[in-house]
Amino acid sequence: PCLWLLLTLLLTKMAFWVTNHKPGSIVHYPLVLLSGVCRSDCSTASVFVANLSGLCPDHFTPWPTAYGAFKVIVQLVRGRNDLVLKHDRDCQTFTLFFEPVLHNQCKYVRLVYITCSDAPQNGSFQGPEEENCSIESACNRIGLGMQILQMAMTETLAASGIGNKSFCLECTEEGKAVVHVFESELHYGEACAMTSEDI
């Protein structure tokens, strides 16, 4: 299949081609991985991608190419997503439709951020001084991390011939992961002295 795609690129003079999704496809998870091939004689070492339907339609993110292939990750919004991919002098529009699987329609994973009632800094996590270590930042990081795992499982199962399936996260109607904040009655000092298994 890869040789056929490379031959197609040479014959059509296209700089690159997405191989793991078809234009107009429906996806059910908010992060999508686009894999593809590109011509080896191109002068540009990156593929640039932007979502015209997203919050920053003019922002193009560069993703490196390697050995005639590329992989890019794109954040989708609910509904139609018009993606623009640029490589060398070639520019392509690639449309995907994001229809989230709502958690009330299936079994789902619930994400929880646990704090102690007397935790210092109101439950913020440890990190560099210049970093935002607030509870809100923690929830955003947890949600994004789980969406990356969700995407990885989707691509792994699809590559195995099972289809684009993954676990479901509790999410909003727009597809954003919900992270609950739970305040434990456990004191901060007690929690620090316990092992992860004991907690």
N, C-alpha and C. Protein backbone atom coordinates (compact mmCIF):
# COMPACT_ATOMS: atom_id res chain seq x y z
N PRO A 1 0.81 -1.21 0.00
CA PRO A 1 0.00 0.00 0.00
C PRO A 1 0.84 1.26 0.00
N CYS A 2 1.96 1.28 0.76
CA CYS A 2 2.79 2.48 0.84
C CYS A 2 3.45 2.77 -0.50
N LEU A 3 3.92 1.71 -1.21
CA LEU A 3 4.53 1.92 -2.52
C LEU A 3 3.51 2.46 -3.51
N TRP A 4 2.30 1.95 -3.41
CA TRP A 4 1.24 2.43 -4.30
C TRP A 4 0.96 3.91 -4.05
N LEU A 5 0.94 4.30 -2.77
CA LEU A 5 0.68 5.70 -2.43
C LEU A 5 1.81 6.59 -2.91
N LEU A 6 3.05 6.15 -2.73
CA LEU A 6 4.18 6.94 -3.21
C LEU A 6 4.14 7.10 -4.72
N LEU A 7 3.77 6.04 -5.43
CA LEU A 7 3.63 6.11 -6.88
C LEU A 7 2.53 7.09 -7.27
N THR A 8 1.43 7.05 -6.52
CA THR A 8 0.33 7.99 -6.78
C THR A 8 0.79 9.42 -6.61
N LEU A 9 1.58 9.67 -5.55
CA LEU A 9 2.09 11.02 -5.31
C LEU A 9 2.95 11.50 -6.48
N LEU A 10 3.81 10.62 -6.97
CA LEU A 10 4.69 10.99 -8.07
C LEU A 10 3.90 11.28 -9.34
N LEU A 11 2.88 10.45 -9.60
CA LEU A 11 2.09 10.62 -10.82
C LEU A 11 1.22 11.86 -10.77
N THR A 12 0.66 12.16 -9.60
CA THR A 12 -0.24 13.31 -9.48
C THR A 12 0.50 14.58 -9.12
N LYS A 13 1.79 14.48 -8.81
CA LYS A 13 2.61 15.63 -8.43
C LYS A 13 2.13 16.28 -7.14
N MET A 14 1.43 15.54 -6.31
CA MET A 14 1.01 16.06 -5.01
C MET A 14 2.17 15.89 -4.03
N ALA A 15 2.32 16.86 -3.12
CA ALA A 15 3.44 16.82 -2.18
C ALA A 15 3.20 15.83 -1.05
N PHE A 16 1.92 15.58 -0.70
CA PHE A 16 1.63 14.69 0.42
C PHE A 16 0.21 14.17 0.32
N TRP A 17 -0.07 13.13 1.14
CA TRP A 17 -1.39 12.49 1.09
C TRP A 17 -1.70 11.87 2.44
N VAL A 18 -2.92 12.09 2.96
CA VAL A 18 -3.36 11.47 4.22
C VAL A 18 -3.80 10.04 3.92
N THR A 19 -3.34 9.08 4.73
CA THR A 19 -3.59 7.67 4.43
C THR A 19 -4.54 6.96 5.40
N ASN A 20 -4.73 7.50 6.60
CA ASN A 20 -5.52 6.74 7.59
C ASN A 20 -6.95 7.24 7.77
N HIS A 21 -7.31 8.32 7.11
CA HIS A 21 -8.69 8.81 7.15
C HIS A 21 -9.08 9.29 5.76
N LYS A 22 -10.36 9.18 5.44
CA LYS A 22 -10.86 9.68 4.17
C LYS A 22 -11.55 11.02 4.38
N PRO A 23 -11.46 11.95 3.42
CA PRO A 23 -12.17 13.22 3.54
C PRO A 23 -13.66 12.99 3.74
N GLY A 24 -14.25 13.75 4.66
CA GLY A 24 -15.67 13.62 4.94
C GLY A 24 -16.01 12.55 5.94
N SER A 25 -15.00 11.90 6.52
CA SER A 25 -15.25 10.83 7.50
C SER A 25 -15.82 11.40 8.79
N ILE A 26 -16.56 10.56 9.51
CA ILE A 26 -17.09 10.91 10.83
C ILE A 26 -16.22 10.25 11.88
N VAL A 27 -15.74 11.05 12.83
CA VAL A 27 -14.96 10.52 13.96
C VAL A 27 -15.71 10.83 15.25
N HIS A 28 -15.46 10.03 16.27
CA HIS A 28 -16.24 10.15 17.51
C HIS A 28 -15.41 10.60 18.70
N TYR A 29 -14.16 10.99 18.47
CA TYR A 29 -13.29 11.41 19.56
C TYR A 29 -12.65 12.75 19.20
N PRO A 30 -12.41 13.63 20.19
CA PRO A 30 -12.03 15.02 19.91
C PRO A 30 -10.61 15.23 19.40
N LEU A 31 -9.72 14.28 19.64
CA LEU A 31 -8.37 14.36 19.08
C LEU A 31 -8.25 13.33 17.96
N VAL A 32 -7.72 13.76 16.83
CA VAL A 32 -7.56 12.84 15.71
C VAL A 32 -6.11 12.86 15.25
N LEU A 33 -5.61 11.68 14.92
CA LEU A 33 -4.26 11.54 14.37
C LEU A 33 -4.37 11.33 12.87
N LEU A 34 -3.74 12.21 12.12
CA LEU A 34 -3.70 12.07 10.67
C LEU A 34 -2.30 11.59 10.28
N SER A 35 -2.24 10.44 9.63
CA SER A 35 -0.98 9.89 9.15
C SER A 35 -0.97 9.96 7.63
N GLY A 36 0.22 10.12 7.07
CA GLY A 36 0.29 10.19 5.62
C GLY A 36 1.70 10.05 5.10
N VAL A 37 1.83 10.16 3.79
CA VAL A 37 3.12 10.07 3.12
C VAL A 37 3.37 11.36 2.36
N CYS A 38 4.65 11.66 2.12
CA CYS A 38 5.00 12.86 1.38
C CYS A 38 6.17 12.55 0.45
N ARG A 39 6.31 13.34 -0.58
CA ARG A 39 7.38 13.11 -1.54
C ARG A 39 8.73 13.40 -0.92
N SER A 40 9.70 12.58 -1.22
CA SER A 40 11.03 12.74 -0.62
C SER A 40 11.81 13.89 -1.23
N ASP A 41 11.37 14.39 -2.39
CA ASP A 41 12.11 15.47 -3.03
C ASP A 41 11.62 16.85 -2.61
N CYS A 42 10.71 16.91 -1.63
CA CYS A 42 10.20 18.20 -1.16
C CYS A 42 11.26 18.88 -0.31
N SER A 43 11.30 20.21 -0.39
CA SER A 43 12.30 20.97 0.35
C SER A 43 11.89 21.23 1.80
N THR A 44 10.59 21.12 2.10
CA THR A 44 10.10 21.40 3.45
C THR A 44 10.12 20.14 4.30
N ALA A 45 10.61 20.27 5.54
CA ALA A 45 10.72 19.11 6.43
C ALA A 45 9.57 19.01 7.41
N SER A 46 8.50 19.78 7.18
CA SER A 46 7.37 19.78 8.10
C SER A 46 6.06 19.84 7.33
N VAL A 47 5.02 19.33 7.98
CA VAL A 47 3.64 19.52 7.52
C VAL A 47 2.99 20.49 8.49
N PHE A 48 2.34 21.52 7.98
CA PHE A 48 1.69 22.52 8.81
C PHE A 48 0.18 22.30 8.75
N VAL A 49 -0.49 22.36 9.90
CA VAL A 49 -1.92 22.07 9.94
C VAL A 49 -2.65 23.11 10.77
N ALA A 50 -3.84 23.49 10.32
CA ALA A 50 -4.73 24.39 11.06
C ALA A 50 -6.15 23.90 10.90
N ASN A 51 -6.97 24.17 11.93
CA ASN A 51 -8.39 23.83 11.87
C ASN A 51 -9.17 25.12 11.68
N LEU A 52 -9.67 25.34 10.48
CA LEU A 52 -10.41 26.57 10.18
C LEU A 52 -11.69 26.67 10.99
N SER A 53 -12.17 25.56 11.53
CA SER A 53 -13.39 25.54 12.32
C SER A 53 -13.11 25.70 13.81
N GLY A 54 -11.85 25.74 14.20
CA GLY A 54 -11.48 25.80 15.61
C GLY A 54 -11.40 27.21 16.15
N LEU A 55 -10.90 27.33 17.38
CA LEU A 55 -10.80 28.63 18.04
C LEU A 55 -9.71 29.50 17.45
N CYS A 56 -8.68 28.90 16.87
CA CYS A 56 -7.56 29.65 16.28
C CYS A 56 -7.38 29.23 14.82
N PRO A 57 -8.28 29.67 13.95
CA PRO A 57 -8.25 29.19 12.56
C PRO A 57 -7.02 29.61 11.77
N ASP A 58 -6.33 30.67 12.21
CA ASP A 58 -5.16 31.16 11.48
C ASP A 58 -3.85 30.60 12.01
N HIS A 59 -3.94 29.76 13.04
CA HIS A 59 -2.71 29.23 13.66
C HIS A 59 -2.35 27.89 13.04
N PHE A 60 -1.20 27.85 12.37
CA PHE A 60 -0.70 26.62 11.76
C PHE A 60 0.37 26.01 12.65
N THR A 61 0.17 24.75 13.01
CA THR A 61 1.13 24.03 13.85
C THR A 61 2.01 23.15 12.98
N PRO A 62 3.35 23.29 13.11
CA PRO A 62 4.25 22.45 12.31
C PRO A 62 4.45 21.07 12.94
N TRP A 63 4.44 20.05 12.10
CA TRP A 63 4.73 18.67 12.52
C TRP A 63 5.81 18.13 11.60
N PRO A 64 6.87 17.53 12.15
CA PRO A 64 7.99 17.09 11.32
C PRO A 64 7.65 15.88 10.45
N THR A 65 8.31 15.80 9.31
CA THR A 65 8.23 14.62 8.46
C THR A 65 9.48 13.77 8.69
N ALA A 66 9.35 12.48 8.47
CA ALA A 66 10.49 11.57 8.63
C ALA A 66 10.36 10.41 7.67
N TYR A 67 11.39 10.19 6.86
CA TYR A 67 11.43 9.06 5.93
C TYR A 67 10.20 9.02 5.03
N GLY A 68 9.78 10.18 4.56
CA GLY A 68 8.66 10.23 3.63
C GLY A 68 7.30 10.03 4.25
N ALA A 69 7.20 10.22 5.57
CA ALA A 69 5.91 10.05 6.26
C ALA A 69 5.71 11.17 7.27
N PHE A 70 4.46 11.37 7.67
CA PHE A 70 4.16 12.39 8.68
C PHE A 70 2.99 11.92 9.54
N LYS A 71 2.92 12.49 10.73
CA LYS A 71 1.80 12.28 11.65
C LYS A 71 1.49 13.62 12.30
N VAL A 72 0.22 14.00 12.30
CA VAL A 72 -0.20 15.25 12.94
C VAL A 72 -1.40 14.95 13.84
N ILE A 73 -1.48 15.68 14.95
CA ILE A 73 -2.62 15.55 15.87
C ILE A 73 -3.42 16.84 15.79
N VAL A 74 -4.73 16.71 15.65
CA VAL A 74 -5.60 17.88 15.51
C VAL A 74 -6.73 17.81 16.54
N GLN A 75 -6.98 18.96 17.19
CA GLN A 75 -8.12 19.08 18.10
C GLN A 75 -9.35 19.45 17.27
N LEU A 76 -10.41 18.68 17.43
CA LEU A 76 -11.63 18.91 16.66
C LEU A 76 -12.69 19.61 17.49
N VAL A 77 -13.60 20.27 16.80
CA VAL A 77 -14.79 20.84 17.43
C VAL A 77 -15.99 20.03 16.96
N ARG A 78 -17.07 20.13 17.69
CA ARG A 78 -18.25 19.34 17.31
C ARG A 78 -18.78 19.79 15.96
N GLY A 79 -19.12 18.83 15.14
CA GLY A 79 -19.64 19.13 13.81
C GLY A 79 -18.55 19.11 12.75
N ARG A 80 -18.66 20.02 11.81
CA ARG A 80 -17.75 20.07 10.66
C ARG A 80 -16.41 20.68 11.05
N ASN A 81 -15.34 20.06 10.60
CA ASN A 81 -13.98 20.56 10.82
C ASN A 81 -13.27 20.64 9.48
N ASP A 82 -12.98 21.86 9.04
CA ASP A 82 -12.24 22.06 7.80
C ASP A 82 -10.76 22.25 8.15
N LEU A 83 -9.98 21.23 7.89
CA LEU A 83 -8.56 21.25 8.21
C LEU A 83 -7.77 21.66 6.97
N VAL A 84 -6.76 22.49 7.17
CA VAL A 84 -5.86 22.88 6.09
C VAL A 84 -4.48 22.32 6.40
N LEU A 85 -3.93 21.57 5.46
CA LEU A 85 -2.59 21.01 5.61
C LEU A 85 -1.70 21.57 4.51
N LYS A 86 -0.52 22.02 4.91
CA LYS A 86 0.44 22.58 3.96
C LYS A 86 1.76 21.82 4.05
N HIS A 87 2.32 21.53 2.89
CA HIS A 87 3.64 20.90 2.83
C HIS A 87 4.29 21.30 1.52
N ASP A 88 5.52 21.82 1.63
CA ASP A 88 6.22 22.35 0.48
C ASP A 88 5.34 23.44 -0.15
N ARG A 89 5.03 23.33 -1.42
CA ARG A 89 4.16 24.34 -2.06
C ARG A 89 2.73 23.84 -2.21
N ASP A 90 2.42 22.70 -1.65
CA ASP A 90 1.10 22.09 -1.78
C ASP A 90 0.24 22.44 -0.56
N CYS A 91 -1.02 22.75 -0.80
CA CYS A 91 -1.97 23.06 0.27
C CYS A 91 -3.25 22.28 0.00
N GLN A 92 -3.73 21.57 1.02
CA GLN A 92 -4.93 20.75 0.87
C GLN A 92 -5.92 21.04 1.99
N THR A 93 -7.19 20.98 1.66
CA THR A 93 -8.25 21.07 2.67
C THR A 93 -8.79 19.66 2.91
N PHE A 94 -8.91 19.31 4.18
CA PHE A 94 -9.32 17.96 4.56
C PHE A 94 -10.44 18.11 5.59
N THR A 95 -11.64 17.66 5.25
CA THR A 95 -12.80 17.85 6.12
C THR A 95 -13.12 16.58 6.89
N LEU A 96 -13.31 16.74 8.21
CA LEU A 96 -13.76 15.65 9.07
C LEU A 96 -14.97 16.14 9.87
N PHE A 97 -15.81 15.22 10.28
CA PHE A 97 -16.97 15.55 11.11
C PHE A 97 -16.82 14.86 12.46
N PHE A 98 -16.88 15.67 13.52
CA PHE A 98 -16.75 15.14 14.88
C PHE A 98 -18.13 15.03 15.51
N GLU A 99 -18.53 13.80 15.79
CA GLU A 99 -19.79 13.52 16.49
C GLU A 99 -19.45 12.78 17.77
N PRO A 100 -19.38 13.48 18.90
CA PRO A 100 -18.97 12.82 20.15
C PRO A 100 -19.96 11.76 20.60
N VAL A 101 -19.42 10.70 21.18
CA VAL A 101 -20.26 9.69 21.81
C VAL A 101 -20.57 10.19 23.21
N LEU A 102 -21.81 10.56 23.48
CA LEU A 102 -22.18 11.12 24.78
C LEU A 102 -22.17 10.03 25.84
N HIS A 103 -21.70 10.40 27.04
CA HIS A 103 -21.51 9.38 28.07
C HIS A 103 -22.81 8.77 28.56
N ASN A 104 -23.94 9.46 28.32
CA ASN A 104 -25.21 8.86 28.74
C ASN A 104 -25.69 7.79 27.76
N GLN A 105 -24.91 7.57 26.70
CA GLN A 105 -25.27 6.55 25.71
C GLN A 105 -24.40 5.30 25.81
N CYS A 106 -23.47 5.28 26.75
CA CYS A 106 -22.56 4.14 26.85
C CYS A 106 -21.91 4.11 28.23
N LYS A 107 -21.19 3.04 28.50
CA LYS A 107 -20.37 3.01 29.70
C LYS A 107 -19.18 3.94 29.49
N TYR A 108 -18.76 4.62 30.55
CA TYR A 108 -17.73 5.63 30.37
C TYR A 108 -16.76 5.67 31.55
N VAL A 109 -15.64 6.33 31.32
CA VAL A 109 -14.63 6.54 32.35
C VAL A 109 -14.86 7.92 32.97
N ARG A 110 -14.95 7.96 34.30
CA ARG A 110 -15.10 9.24 35.01
C ARG A 110 -13.74 9.66 35.56
N LEU A 111 -13.34 10.88 35.27
CA LEU A 111 -12.06 11.41 35.72
C LEU A 111 -12.25 12.22 36.99
N VAL A 112 -11.37 12.00 37.97
CA VAL A 112 -11.50 12.66 39.27
C VAL A 112 -10.14 13.20 39.71
N TYR A 113 -10.12 14.46 40.14
CA TYR A 113 -8.92 15.07 40.74
C TYR A 113 -9.20 15.20 42.24
N ILE A 114 -8.40 14.51 43.05
CA ILE A 114 -8.66 14.44 44.49
C ILE A 114 -7.73 15.39 45.24
N THR A 115 -8.30 16.17 46.15
CA THR A 115 -7.52 17.05 47.02
C THR A 115 -7.84 16.73 48.47
N CYS A 116 -6.99 17.20 49.37
CA CYS A 116 -7.23 17.06 50.81
C CYS A 116 -7.88 18.33 51.34
N SER A 117 -8.63 18.19 52.42
CA SER A 117 -9.35 19.34 52.97
C SER A 117 -8.41 20.44 53.45
N ASP A 118 -7.20 20.06 53.90
CA ASP A 118 -6.25 21.05 54.39
C ASP A 118 -5.03 21.15 53.48
N ALA A 119 -5.20 20.84 52.20
CA ALA A 119 -4.08 20.87 51.26
C ALA A 119 -3.54 22.29 51.09
N PRO A 120 -2.21 22.46 51.03
CA PRO A 120 -1.65 23.80 50.82
C PRO A 120 -2.00 24.33 49.44
N GLN A 121 -2.05 25.64 49.33
CA GLN A 121 -2.32 26.32 48.06
C GLN A 121 -3.64 25.87 47.44
N ASN A 122 -4.60 25.58 48.30
CA ASN A 122 -5.96 25.26 47.83
C ASN A 122 -6.02 24.09 46.87
N GLY A 123 -5.13 23.11 47.05
CA GLY A 123 -5.18 21.91 46.22
C GLY A 123 -4.41 21.99 44.93
N SER A 124 -3.62 23.04 44.74
CA SER A 124 -2.80 23.13 43.53
C SER A 124 -1.74 22.04 43.54
N PHE A 125 -1.31 21.59 42.36
CA PHE A 125 -0.30 20.55 42.28
C PHE A 125 1.10 21.17 42.25
N GLN A 126 2.11 20.34 42.50
CA GLN A 126 3.48 20.82 42.52
C GLN A 126 4.01 21.00 41.10
N GLY A 127 4.79 22.06 40.90
CA GLY A 127 5.35 22.34 39.59
C GLY A 127 6.23 23.56 39.64
N PRO A 128 6.91 23.89 38.54
CA PRO A 128 7.76 25.08 38.49
C PRO A 128 6.96 26.34 38.80
N GLU A 129 7.63 27.34 39.35
CA GLU A 129 6.95 28.57 39.76
C GLU A 129 6.26 29.26 38.59
N GLU A 130 6.85 29.16 37.40
CA GLU A 130 6.28 29.87 36.25
C GLU A 130 5.09 29.13 35.64
N GLU A 131 4.82 27.90 36.10
CA GLU A 131 3.71 27.11 35.57
C GLU A 131 2.41 27.41 36.31
N ASN A 132 1.31 27.30 35.59
CA ASN A 132 -0.01 27.40 36.20
C ASN A 132 -0.33 26.04 36.83
N CYS A 133 -0.29 25.98 38.16
CA CYS A 133 -0.49 24.71 38.88
C CYS A 133 -1.83 24.67 39.60
N SER A 134 -2.79 25.45 39.12
CA SER A 134 -4.09 25.52 39.77
C SER A 134 -4.89 24.25 39.54
N ILE A 135 -5.99 24.13 40.27
CA ILE A 135 -6.88 22.98 40.09
C ILE A 135 -7.44 22.97 38.66
N GLU A 136 -7.77 24.14 38.16
CA GLU A 136 -8.30 24.23 36.79
C GLU A 136 -7.28 23.71 35.78
N SER A 137 -6.01 24.09 35.97
CA SER A 137 -4.95 23.61 35.08
C SER A 137 -4.78 22.10 35.21
N ALA A 138 -4.88 21.59 36.45
CA ALA A 138 -4.76 20.14 36.67
C ALA A 138 -5.86 19.40 35.92
N CYS A 139 -7.08 19.91 35.99
CA CYS A 139 -8.20 19.26 35.31
C CYS A 139 -8.02 19.28 33.80
N ASN A 140 -7.53 20.41 33.27
CA ASN A 140 -7.29 20.50 31.83
C ASN A 140 -6.22 19.50 31.39
N ARG A 141 -5.17 19.36 32.20
CA ARG A 141 -4.09 18.44 31.85
C ARG A 141 -4.56 16.98 31.91
N ILE A 142 -5.34 16.66 32.93
CA ILE A 142 -5.87 15.30 33.06
C ILE A 142 -6.78 14.97 31.88
N GLY A 143 -7.67 15.91 31.55
CA GLY A 143 -8.59 15.69 30.43
C GLY A 143 -7.85 15.50 29.12
N LEU A 144 -6.85 16.35 28.85
CA LEU A 144 -6.08 16.23 27.61
C LEU A 144 -5.30 14.92 27.57
N GLY A 145 -4.69 14.56 28.70
CA GLY A 145 -3.93 13.31 28.75
C GLY A 145 -4.79 12.10 28.44
N MET A 146 -6.00 12.08 28.97
CA MET A 146 -6.90 10.96 28.71
C MET A 146 -7.41 10.96 27.27
N GLN A 147 -7.58 12.15 26.69
CA GLN A 147 -7.99 12.21 25.29
C GLN A 147 -6.88 11.70 24.37
N ILE A 148 -5.62 11.94 24.77
CA ILE A 148 -4.50 11.40 23.99
C ILE A 148 -4.50 9.87 24.06
N LEU A 149 -4.73 9.31 25.26
CA LEU A 149 -4.83 7.86 25.39
C LEU A 149 -6.00 7.30 24.58
N GLN A 150 -7.11 8.02 24.60
CA GLN A 150 -8.29 7.62 23.83
C GLN A 150 -7.97 7.57 22.34
N MET A 151 -7.27 8.61 21.86
CA MET A 151 -6.87 8.67 20.45
C MET A 151 -5.90 7.54 20.11
N ALA A 152 -4.94 7.28 21.00
CA ALA A 152 -3.95 6.23 20.75
C ALA A 152 -4.63 4.86 20.64
N MET A 153 -5.61 4.61 21.51
CA MET A 153 -6.33 3.34 21.43
C MET A 153 -7.13 3.25 20.14
N THR A 154 -7.73 4.34 19.73
CA THR A 154 -8.49 4.36 18.48
C THR A 154 -7.62 3.97 17.30
N GLU A 155 -6.43 4.60 17.21
CA GLU A 155 -5.54 4.33 16.09
C GLU A 155 -4.97 2.91 16.15
N THR A 156 -4.68 2.43 17.36
CA THR A 156 -4.14 1.07 17.52
C THR A 156 -5.15 0.02 17.07
N LEU A 157 -6.41 0.20 17.50
CA LEU A 157 -7.45 -0.76 17.11
C LEU A 157 -7.74 -0.68 15.61
N ALA A 158 -7.73 0.54 15.06
CA ALA A 158 -7.97 0.69 13.63
C ALA A 158 -6.87 0.02 12.82
N ALA A 159 -5.61 0.17 13.27
CA ALA A 159 -4.49 -0.46 12.57
C ALA A 159 -4.56 -1.98 12.65
N SER A 160 -5.25 -2.49 13.67
CA SER A 160 -5.40 -3.94 13.84
C SER A 160 -6.61 -4.49 13.08
N GLY A 161 -7.34 -3.60 12.40
CA GLY A 161 -8.49 -4.03 11.63
C GLY A 161 -9.79 -4.10 12.40
N ILE A 162 -9.80 -3.60 13.64
CA ILE A 162 -11.00 -3.67 14.47
C ILE A 162 -11.92 -2.48 14.22
N GLY A 163 -11.37 -1.38 13.74
CA GLY A 163 -12.18 -0.19 13.51
C GLY A 163 -11.81 0.93 14.46
N ASN A 164 -12.37 2.11 14.21
CA ASN A 164 -12.08 3.28 15.03
C ASN A 164 -12.91 3.24 16.31
N LYS A 165 -12.45 2.47 17.28
CA LYS A 165 -13.15 2.33 18.55
C LYS A 165 -12.21 2.67 19.69
N SER A 166 -12.79 3.10 20.81
CA SER A 166 -11.99 3.38 22.00
C SER A 166 -12.91 3.41 23.20
N PHE A 167 -12.35 3.69 24.37
CA PHE A 167 -13.17 3.86 25.56
C PHE A 167 -13.81 5.24 25.54
N CYS A 168 -14.92 5.39 26.25
CA CYS A 168 -15.63 6.66 26.31
C CYS A 168 -15.28 7.40 27.60
N LEU A 169 -15.17 8.70 27.49
CA LEU A 169 -14.95 9.56 28.65
C LEU A 169 -16.24 10.30 28.96
N GLU A 170 -16.47 10.58 30.23
CA GLU A 170 -17.56 11.49 30.57
C GLU A 170 -17.21 12.84 29.98
N CYS A 171 -18.11 13.40 29.19
CA CYS A 171 -17.78 14.63 28.48
C CYS A 171 -19.00 15.53 28.35
N THR A 172 -18.73 16.78 27.97
CA THR A 172 -19.80 17.73 27.70
C THR A 172 -20.40 17.41 26.33
N GLU A 173 -21.47 18.10 25.97
CA GLU A 173 -22.09 17.88 24.67
C GLU A 173 -21.15 18.28 23.53
N GLU A 174 -20.18 19.16 23.84
CA GLU A 174 -19.21 19.57 22.83
C GLU A 174 -18.04 18.61 22.72
N GLY A 175 -17.99 17.62 23.62
CA GLY A 175 -16.92 16.62 23.54
C GLY A 175 -15.75 16.88 24.45
N LYS A 176 -15.83 17.90 25.31
CA LYS A 176 -14.73 18.18 26.24
C LYS A 176 -14.82 17.24 27.44
N ALA A 177 -13.68 16.67 27.83
CA ALA A 177 -13.65 15.74 28.96
C ALA A 177 -14.02 16.45 30.26
N VAL A 178 -14.86 15.80 31.06
CA VAL A 178 -15.27 16.35 32.36
C VAL A 178 -14.36 15.75 33.43
N VAL A 179 -13.77 16.61 34.27
CA VAL A 179 -12.94 16.16 35.38
C VAL A 179 -13.56 16.68 36.67
N HIS A 180 -13.96 15.78 37.56
CA HIS A 180 -14.57 16.16 38.82
C HIS A 180 -13.50 16.42 39.87
N VAL A 181 -13.73 17.41 40.71
CA VAL A 181 -12.82 17.72 41.83
C VAL A 181 -13.46 17.18 43.10
N PHE A 182 -12.76 16.27 43.77
CA PHE A 182 -13.27 15.64 44.98
C PHE A 182 -12.37 16.00 46.15
N GLU A 183 -12.96 16.58 47.20
CA GLU A 183 -12.19 16.94 48.40
C GLU A 183 -12.31 15.83 49.43
N SER A 184 -11.19 15.16 49.69
CA SER A 184 -11.17 14.04 50.63
C SER A 184 -11.12 14.54 52.07
N GLU A 185 -11.63 13.72 52.98
CA GLU A 185 -11.52 14.04 54.41
C GLU A 185 -10.13 13.71 54.95
N LEU A 186 -9.33 13.06 54.14
CA LEU A 186 -7.97 12.71 54.54
C LEU A 186 -7.13 13.98 54.66
N HIS A 187 -6.33 14.08 55.73
CA HIS A 187 -5.48 15.25 55.92
C HIS A 187 -4.24 15.15 55.05
N TYR A 188 -3.71 16.30 54.68
CA TYR A 188 -2.58 16.37 53.75
C TYR A 188 -1.37 15.61 54.28
N GLY A 189 -1.05 15.79 55.56
CA GLY A 189 0.10 15.10 56.16
C GLY A 189 -0.06 13.60 56.14
N GLU A 190 -1.27 13.13 56.39
CA GLU A 190 -1.54 11.69 56.36
C GLU A 190 -1.37 11.13 54.95
N ALA A 191 -1.86 11.88 53.98
CA ALA A 191 -1.78 11.42 52.59
C ALA A 191 -0.32 11.33 52.13
N CYS A 192 0.51 12.30 52.56
CA CYS A 192 1.92 12.30 52.15
C CYS A 192 2.67 11.10 52.73
N ALA A 193 2.21 10.61 53.88
CA ALA A 193 2.89 9.48 54.54
C ALA A 193 2.41 8.13 54.03
N MET A 194 1.39 8.11 53.19
CA MET A 194 0.82 6.85 52.70
C MET A 194 1.39 6.50 51.33
N THR A 195 1.38 5.21 51.02
CA THR A 195 1.75 4.77 49.68
C THR A 195 0.55 4.95 48.74
N SER A 196 0.81 4.89 47.44
CA SER A 196 -0.28 5.04 46.48
C SER A 196 -1.32 3.94 46.63
N GLU A 197 -0.85 2.73 47.00
CA GLU A 197 -1.79 1.62 47.20
C GLU A 197 -2.69 1.87 48.41
N ASP A 198 -2.10 2.42 49.49
CA ASP A 198 -2.89 2.70 50.70
C ASP A 198 -3.91 3.80 50.45
N ILE A 199 -3.52 4.79 49.66
CA ILE A 199 -4.45 5.88 49.37
C ILE A 199 -5.64 5.36 48.57
